[in-house]
PDB file of all heavy atoms in Angstrom:
ATOM      1  N   GLU A   1      -4.554  68.283 -33.656  1.00  0.00           N
ATOM      2  CA  GLU A   1      -4.832  69.256 -32.598  1.00  0.00           C
ATOM      3  C   GLU A   1      -5.360  68.580 -31.334  1.00  0.00           C
ATOM      4  O   GLU A   1      -4.980  68.939 -30.221  1.00  0.00           O
ATOM      5  CB  GLU A   1      -5.848  70.291 -33.103  1.00  0.00           C
ATOM      6  CG  GLU A   1      -5.312  71.266 -34.136  1.00  0.00           C
ATOM      7  CD  GLU A   1      -5.066  70.609 -35.492  1.00  0.00           C
ATOM      8  OE1 GLU A   1      -5.672  69.536 -35.763  1.00  0.00           O
ATOM      9  OE2 GLU A   1      -4.267  71.158 -36.269  1.00  0.00           O
ATOM     10  N   VAL A   2      -6.252  67.598 -31.500  1.00  0.00           N
ATOM     11  CA  VAL A   2      -6.776  66.860 -30.351  1.00  0.00           C
ATOM     12  C   VAL A   2      -5.650  66.083 -29.672  1.00  0.00           C
ATOM     13  O   VAL A   2      -5.526  66.072 -28.439  1.00  0.00           O
ATOM     14  CB  VAL A   2      -7.901  65.895 -30.777  1.00  0.00           C
ATOM     15  CG1 VAL A   2      -8.293  64.978 -29.618  1.00  0.00           C
ATOM     16  CG2 VAL A   2      -9.118  66.671 -31.261  1.00  0.00           C
ATOM     17  N   PHE A   3      -4.828  65.444 -30.500  1.00  0.00           N
ATOM     18  CA  PHE A   3      -3.694  64.679 -29.979  1.00  0.00           C
ATOM     19  C   PHE A   3      -2.769  65.580 -29.168  1.00  0.00           C
ATOM     20  O   PHE A   3      -2.337  65.232 -28.067  1.00  0.00           O
ATOM     21  CB  PHE A   3      -2.937  64.048 -31.152  1.00  0.00           C
ATOM     22  CG  PHE A   3      -1.742  63.222 -30.759  1.00  0.00           C
ATOM     23  CD1 PHE A   3      -1.884  61.911 -30.334  1.00  0.00           C
ATOM     24  CD2 PHE A   3      -0.460  63.761 -30.832  1.00  0.00           C
ATOM     25  CE1 PHE A   3      -0.785  61.153 -29.985  1.00  0.00           C
ATOM     26  CE2 PHE A   3       0.645  63.015 -30.486  1.00  0.00           C
ATOM     27  CZ  PHE A   3       0.485  61.697 -30.062  1.00  0.00           C
ATOM     28  N   GLU A   4      -2.467  66.760 -29.700  1.00  0.00           N
ATOM     29  CA  GLU A   4      -1.588  67.705 -29.015  1.00  0.00           C
ATOM     30  C   GLU A   4      -2.158  68.114 -27.659  1.00  0.00           C
ATOM     31  O   GLU A   4      -1.427  68.168 -26.656  1.00  0.00           O
ATOM     32  CB  GLU A   4      -1.374  68.946 -29.885  1.00  0.00           C
ATOM     33  CG  GLU A   4      -0.512  68.698 -31.105  1.00  0.00           C
ATOM     34  CD  GLU A   4      -0.465  69.899 -32.037  1.00  0.00           C
ATOM     35  OE1 GLU A   4      -1.291  70.824 -31.864  1.00  0.00           O
ATOM     36  OE2 GLU A   4       0.397  69.906 -32.931  1.00  0.00           O
ATOM     37  N   SER A   5      -3.456  68.392 -27.628  1.00  0.00           N
ATOM     38  CA  SER A   5      -4.063  68.845 -26.376  1.00  0.00           C
ATOM     39  C   SER A   5      -4.040  67.746 -25.320  1.00  0.00           C
ATOM     40  O   SER A   5      -3.817  68.004 -24.134  1.00  0.00           O
ATOM     41  CB  SER A   5      -5.496  69.315 -26.620  1.00  0.00           C
ATOM     42  OG  SER A   5      -6.326  68.250 -27.037  1.00  0.00           O
ATOM     43  N   ILE A   6      -4.237  66.492 -25.743  1.00  0.00           N
ATOM     44  CA  ILE A   6      -4.192  65.361 -24.799  1.00  0.00           C
ATOM     45  C   ILE A   6      -2.780  65.204 -24.241  1.00  0.00           C
ATOM     46  O   ILE A   6      -2.578  65.029 -23.033  1.00  0.00           O
ATOM     47  CB  ILE A   6      -4.647  64.062 -25.489  1.00  0.00           C
ATOM     48  CG1 ILE A   6      -6.122  64.147 -25.876  1.00  0.00           C
ATOM     49  CG2 ILE A   6      -4.425  62.869 -24.560  1.00  0.00           C
ATOM     50  CD1 ILE A   6      -6.610  62.975 -26.722  1.00  0.00           C
ATOM     51  N   VAL A   7      -1.792  65.271 -25.141  1.00  0.00           N
ATOM     52  CA  VAL A   7      -0.392  65.124 -24.722  1.00  0.00           C
ATOM     53  C   VAL A   7       0.000  66.216 -23.734  1.00  0.00           C
ATOM     54  O   VAL A   7       0.593  65.949 -22.679  1.00  0.00           O
ATOM     55  CB  VAL A   7       0.541  65.160 -25.955  1.00  0.00           C
ATOM     56  CG1 VAL A   7       2.002  65.331 -25.515  1.00  0.00           C
ATOM     57  CG2 VAL A   7       0.395  63.876 -26.761  1.00  0.00           C
ATOM     58  N   ILE A   8      -0.338  67.456 -24.055  1.00  0.00           N
ATOM     59  CA  ILE A   8       0.020  68.579 -23.189  1.00  0.00           C
ATOM     60  C   ILE A   8      -0.645  68.459 -21.824  1.00  0.00           C
ATOM     61  O   ILE A   8      -0.026  68.727 -20.786  1.00  0.00           O
ATOM     62  CB  ILE A   8      -0.349  69.920 -23.862  1.00  0.00           C
ATOM     63  CG1 ILE A   8       0.603  70.177 -25.029  1.00  0.00           C
ATOM     64  CG2 ILE A   8      -0.298  71.073 -22.865  1.00  0.00           C
ATOM     65  CD1 ILE A   8       0.290  71.412 -25.821  1.00  0.00           C
ATOM     66  N   GLU A   9      -1.905  68.022 -21.814  1.00  0.00           N
ATOM     67  CA  GLU A   9      -2.617  67.875 -20.548  1.00  0.00           C
ATOM     68  C   GLU A   9      -1.970  66.799 -19.680  1.00  0.00           C
ATOM     69  O   GLU A   9      -1.786  66.985 -18.471  1.00  0.00           O
ATOM     70  CB  GLU A   9      -4.090  67.521 -20.811  1.00  0.00           C
ATOM     71  CG  GLU A   9      -4.948  67.438 -19.561  1.00  0.00           C
ATOM     72  CD  GLU A   9      -5.010  68.756 -18.800  1.00  0.00           C
ATOM     73  OE1 GLU A   9      -4.948  69.824 -19.440  1.00  0.00           O
ATOM     74  OE2 GLU A   9      -5.123  68.710 -17.564  1.00  0.00           O
ATOM     75  N   GLN A  10      -1.594  65.670 -20.290  1.00  0.00           N
ATOM     76  CA  GLN A  10      -0.970  64.598 -19.520  1.00  0.00           C
ATOM     77  C   GLN A  10       0.428  64.991 -19.043  1.00  0.00           C
ATOM     78  O   GLN A  10       0.844  64.625 -17.941  1.00  0.00           O
ATOM     79  CB  GLN A  10      -0.912  63.312 -20.345  1.00  0.00           C
ATOM     80  CG  GLN A  10      -2.278  62.692 -20.574  1.00  0.00           C
ATOM     81  CD  GLN A  10      -2.211  61.195 -20.840  1.00  0.00           C
ATOM     82  OE1 GLN A  10      -1.203  60.543 -20.598  1.00  0.00           O
ATOM     83  NE2 GLN A  10      -3.310  60.641 -21.326  1.00  0.00           N
ATOM     84  N   LEU A  11       1.150  65.729 -19.870  1.00  0.00           N
ATOM     85  CA  LEU A  11       2.466  66.213 -19.449  1.00  0.00           C
ATOM     86  C   LEU A  11       2.328  67.184 -18.280  1.00  0.00           C
ATOM     87  O   LEU A  11       3.121  67.165 -17.336  1.00  0.00           O
ATOM     88  CB  LEU A  11       3.187  66.888 -20.616  1.00  0.00           C
ATOM     89  CG  LEU A  11       3.771  65.954 -21.681  1.00  0.00           C
ATOM     90  CD1 LEU A  11       4.192  66.753 -22.908  1.00  0.00           C
ATOM     91  CD2 LEU A  11       4.944  65.159 -21.137  1.00  0.00           C
ATOM     92  N   LYS A  12       1.309  68.030 -18.342  1.00  0.00           N
ATOM     93  CA  LYS A  12       1.051  68.989 -17.267  1.00  0.00           C
ATOM     94  C   LYS A  12       0.763  68.269 -15.960  1.00  0.00           C
ATOM     95  O   LYS A  12       1.244  68.666 -14.890  1.00  0.00           O
ATOM     96  CB  LYS A  12      -0.124  69.892 -17.644  1.00  0.00           C
ATOM     97  CG  LYS A  12      -0.429  70.986 -16.629  1.00  0.00           C
ATOM     98  CD  LYS A  12      -1.591  71.865 -17.106  1.00  0.00           C
ATOM     99  CE  LYS A  12      -1.910  72.943 -16.074  1.00  0.00           C
ATOM    100  NZ  LYS A  12      -3.057  73.790 -16.517  1.00  0.00           N
ATOM    101  N   GLU A  13      -0.008  67.177 -16.034  1.00  0.00           N
ATOM    102  CA  GLU A  13      -0.335  66.403 -14.835  1.00  0.00           C
ATOM    103  C   GLU A  13       0.921  65.787 -14.207  1.00  0.00           C
ATOM    104  O   GLU A  13       0.953  65.528 -13.006  1.00  0.00           O
ATOM    105  CB  GLU A  13      -1.324  65.291 -15.194  1.00  0.00           C
ATOM    106  CG  GLU A  13      -2.723  65.797 -15.527  1.00  0.00           C
ATOM    107  CD  GLU A  13      -3.653  64.688 -15.978  1.00  0.00           C
ATOM    108  OE1 GLU A  13      -3.192  63.523 -16.045  1.00  0.00           O
ATOM    109  OE2 GLU A  13      -4.838  64.982 -16.256  1.00  0.00           O
ATOM    110  N   ARG A  14       1.943  65.577 -15.007  1.00  0.00           N
ATOM    111  CA  ARG A  14       3.197  64.991 -14.511  1.00  0.00           C
ATOM    112  C   ARG A  14       4.238  66.061 -14.174  1.00  0.00           C
ATOM    113  O   ARG A  14       5.399  65.755 -13.901  1.00  0.00           O
ATOM    114  CB  ARG A  14       3.773  64.023 -15.536  1.00  0.00           C
ATOM    115  CG  ARG A  14       2.843  62.858 -15.853  1.00  0.00           C
ATOM    116  CD  ARG A  14       3.641  61.691 -16.339  1.00  0.00           C
ATOM    117  NE  ARG A  14       2.852  60.811 -17.186  1.00  0.00           N
ATOM    118  CZ  ARG A  14       3.335  59.746 -17.796  1.00  0.00           C
ATOM    119  NH1 ARG A  14       4.621  59.454 -17.670  1.00  0.00           N
ATOM    120  NH2 ARG A  14       2.577  58.998 -18.555  1.00  0.00           N
ATOM    121  N   GLY A  15       3.825  67.321 -14.227  1.00  0.00           N
ATOM    122  CA  GLY A  15       4.721  68.403 -13.807  1.00  0.00           C
ATOM    123  C   GLY A  15       5.561  68.996 -14.915  1.00  0.00           C
ATOM    124  O   GLY A  15       6.520  69.727 -14.642  1.00  0.00           O
ATOM    125  N   TYR A  16       5.228  68.716 -16.195  1.00  0.00           N
ATOM    126  CA  TYR A  16       5.990  69.255 -17.321  1.00  0.00           C
ATOM    127  C   TYR A  16       5.201  70.380 -17.990  1.00  0.00           C
ATOM    128  O   TYR A  16       4.093  70.174 -18.487  1.00  0.00           O
ATOM    129  CB  TYR A  16       6.301  68.158 -18.346  1.00  0.00           C
ATOM    130  CG  TYR A  16       7.367  67.205 -17.893  1.00  0.00           C
ATOM    131  CD1 TYR A  16       7.050  66.135 -17.055  1.00  0.00           C
ATOM    132  CD2 TYR A  16       8.696  67.359 -18.278  1.00  0.00           C
ATOM    133  CE1 TYR A  16       8.026  65.251 -16.615  1.00  0.00           C
ATOM    134  CE2 TYR A  16       9.679  66.489 -17.850  1.00  0.00           C
ATOM    135  CZ  TYR A  16       9.339  65.432 -17.020  1.00  0.00           C
ATOM    136  OH  TYR A  16      10.313  64.569 -16.594  1.00  0.00           O
ATOM    137  N   ASN A  17       5.780  71.563 -17.983  1.00  0.00           N
ATOM    138  CA  ASN A  17       5.148  72.717 -18.606  1.00  0.00           C
ATOM    139  C   ASN A  17       5.547  72.749 -20.083  1.00  0.00           C
ATOM    140  O   ASN A  17       6.713  72.969 -20.417  1.00  0.00           O
ATOM    141  CB  ASN A  17       5.595  73.994 -17.904  1.00  0.00           C
ATOM    142  CG  ASN A  17       4.912  75.223 -18.456  1.00  0.00           C
ATOM    143  OD1 ASN A  17       3.848  75.120 -19.056  1.00  0.00           O
ATOM    144  ND2 ASN A  17       5.524  76.373 -18.265  1.00  0.00           N
ATOM    145  N   THR A  18       4.595  72.499 -20.974  1.00  0.00           N
ATOM    146  CA  THR A  18       4.904  72.430 -22.401  1.00  0.00           C
ATOM    147  C   THR A  18       3.912  73.262 -23.208  1.00  0.00           C
ATOM    148  O   THR A  18       2.832  73.616 -22.739  1.00  0.00           O
ATOM    149  CB  THR A  18       4.841  70.972 -22.910  1.00  0.00           C
ATOM    150  OG1 THR A  18       3.542  70.444 -22.667  1.00  0.00           O
ATOM    151  CG2 THR A  18       5.871  70.109 -22.207  1.00  0.00           C
ATOM    152  N   LYS A  19       4.296  73.534 -24.435  1.00  0.00           N
ATOM    153  CA  LYS A  19       3.409  74.266 -25.347  1.00  0.00           C
ATOM    154  C   LYS A  19       3.756  73.881 -26.784  1.00  0.00           C
ATOM    155  O   LYS A  19       4.816  73.312 -27.051  1.00  0.00           O
ATOM    156  CB  LYS A  19       3.553  75.768 -25.153  1.00  0.00           C
ATOM    157  CG  LYS A  19       4.952  76.302 -25.467  1.00  0.00           C
ATOM    158  CD  LYS A  19       5.012  77.814 -25.222  1.00  0.00           C
ATOM    159  CE  LYS A  19       6.411  78.347 -25.524  1.00  0.00           C
ATOM    160  NZ  LYS A  19       6.499  79.807 -25.310  1.00  0.00           N
ATOM    161  N   ILE A  20       2.839  74.174 -27.699  1.00  0.00           N
ATOM    162  CA  ILE A  20       3.056  73.899 -29.116  1.00  0.00           C
ATOM    163  C   ILE A  20       3.471  75.190 -29.814  1.00  0.00           C
ATOM    164  O   ILE A  20       2.840  76.241 -29.651  1.00  0.00           O
ATOM    165  CB  ILE A  20       1.778  73.346 -29.782  1.00  0.00           C
ATOM    166  CG1 ILE A  20       1.357  72.029 -29.132  1.00  0.00           C
ATOM    167  CG2 ILE A  20       2.002  73.154 -31.277  1.00  0.00           C
ATOM    168  CD1 ILE A  20       2.343  70.892 -29.309  1.00  0.00           C
ATOM    169  N   VAL A  21       4.534  75.107 -30.572  1.00  0.00           N
ATOM    170  CA  VAL A  21       5.015  76.267 -31.329  1.00  0.00           C
ATOM    171  C   VAL A  21       5.115  75.870 -32.797  1.00  0.00           C
ATOM    172  O   VAL A  21       5.678  74.819 -33.126  1.00  0.00           O
ATOM    173  CB  VAL A  21       6.399  76.725 -30.808  1.00  0.00           C
ATOM    174  CG1 VAL A  21       6.954  77.832 -31.695  1.00  0.00           C
ATOM    175  CG2 VAL A  21       6.298  77.198 -29.372  1.00  0.00           C
ATOM    176  N   GLU A  22       4.573  76.687 -33.683  1.00  0.00           N
ATOM    177  CA  GLU A  22       4.669  76.436 -35.120  1.00  0.00           C
ATOM    178  C   GLU A  22       5.952  77.059 -35.658  1.00  0.00           C
ATOM    179  O   GLU A  22       6.253  78.213 -35.394  1.00  0.00           O
ATOM    180  CB  GLU A  22       3.455  77.010 -35.863  1.00  0.00           C
ATOM    181  CG  GLU A  22       2.186  76.211 -35.660  1.00  0.00           C
ATOM    182  CD  GLU A  22       1.096  76.599 -36.642  1.00  0.00           C
ATOM    183  OE1 GLU A  22       1.426  76.780 -37.831  1.00  0.00           O
ATOM    184  OE2 GLU A  22      -0.063  76.717 -36.215  1.00  0.00           O
ATOM    185  N   THR A  23       6.692  76.262 -36.422  1.00  0.00           N
ATOM    186  CA  THR A  23       7.936  76.744 -37.014  1.00  0.00           C
ATOM    187  C   THR A  23       7.925  76.440 -38.512  1.00  0.00           C
ATOM    188  O   THR A  23       7.281  75.482 -38.952  1.00  0.00           O
ATOM    189  CB  THR A  23       9.161  76.059 -36.370  1.00  0.00           C
ATOM    190  OG1 THR A  23       9.051  74.641 -36.562  1.00  0.00           O
ATOM    191  CG2 THR A  23       9.243  76.362 -34.887  1.00  0.00           C
ATOM    192  N   PRO A  24       8.628  77.227 -39.330  1.00  0.00           N
ATOM    193  CA  PRO A  24       8.660  76.960 -40.772  1.00  0.00           C
ATOM    194  C   PRO A  24       9.463  75.704 -41.079  1.00  0.00           C
ATOM    195  O   PRO A  24      10.493  75.440 -40.465  1.00  0.00           O
ATOM    196  CB  PRO A  24       9.346  78.205 -41.344  1.00  0.00           C
ATOM    197  CG  PRO A  24      10.151  78.747 -40.199  1.00  0.00           C
ATOM    198  CD  PRO A  24       9.362  78.440 -38.966  1.00  0.00           C
ATOM    199  N   GLY A  25       8.947  74.910 -42.015  1.00  0.00           N
ATOM    200  CA  GLY A  25       9.649  73.701 -42.429  1.00  0.00           C
ATOM    201  C   GLY A  25       9.724  73.624 -43.941  1.00  0.00           C
ATOM    202  O   GLY A  25       9.195  74.486 -44.658  1.00  0.00           O
TER     203      GLY A  25
END
């Protein structure tokens, strides 16, 4: 979860709008 939040924040700073979605596996 921490890793995801760091990645999303850095992507946002570079202009990429992203989010985490849970899917069945």
